[in-house]
Amino acid sequence: MSIKKIVTGQIVVPEKKRQARQLRREMTPPEKHLWQSLRANRLGGFHFRRQQIIDGYIVDFYCHAADMVIELDGPIHKGQKVYDERRQKYLESQGLTVLRFTNQQVLEDKDQVLTEILIALNRRF
């Protein structure tokens, strides 16, 4: 489905690469919990990447085949609503679907979160 190359061919500054690697090493408990269900094509055969850089933004999870970003919102997001809205609008302007879930949703009802993700993935095809 992807027509343009969102990830490949982009210029990424070394500091952003280091930041993404650090975020992968230090995933939050909700990110780890969801990652166990997304990694290795476990959700509907879709391949996800974690802490993927897209045009200077680091997204929590990214599925290239479906042009989809999944973001988990924890306490830090309460203080950066304007930034998150601007970031989401930009990602959507690039043809990406952005799904947002709270950390609490992932920890308390991961099956429902996975169902919503899978429904959205299948809508993209």
Foldseek 3Di string as FASTA:
>chain_A
DDDDDQAPPDDDDPVLVVVLVVCVVVPDVLLVLLCVCADPCNQVNFHKDAQGDGPNDTAGIAGRVLLETEHEDEPVCVVVVVVVVVVQVVSVVVVHHYHYYYSCCSVPPVVVVSVVVNVSSVVSD
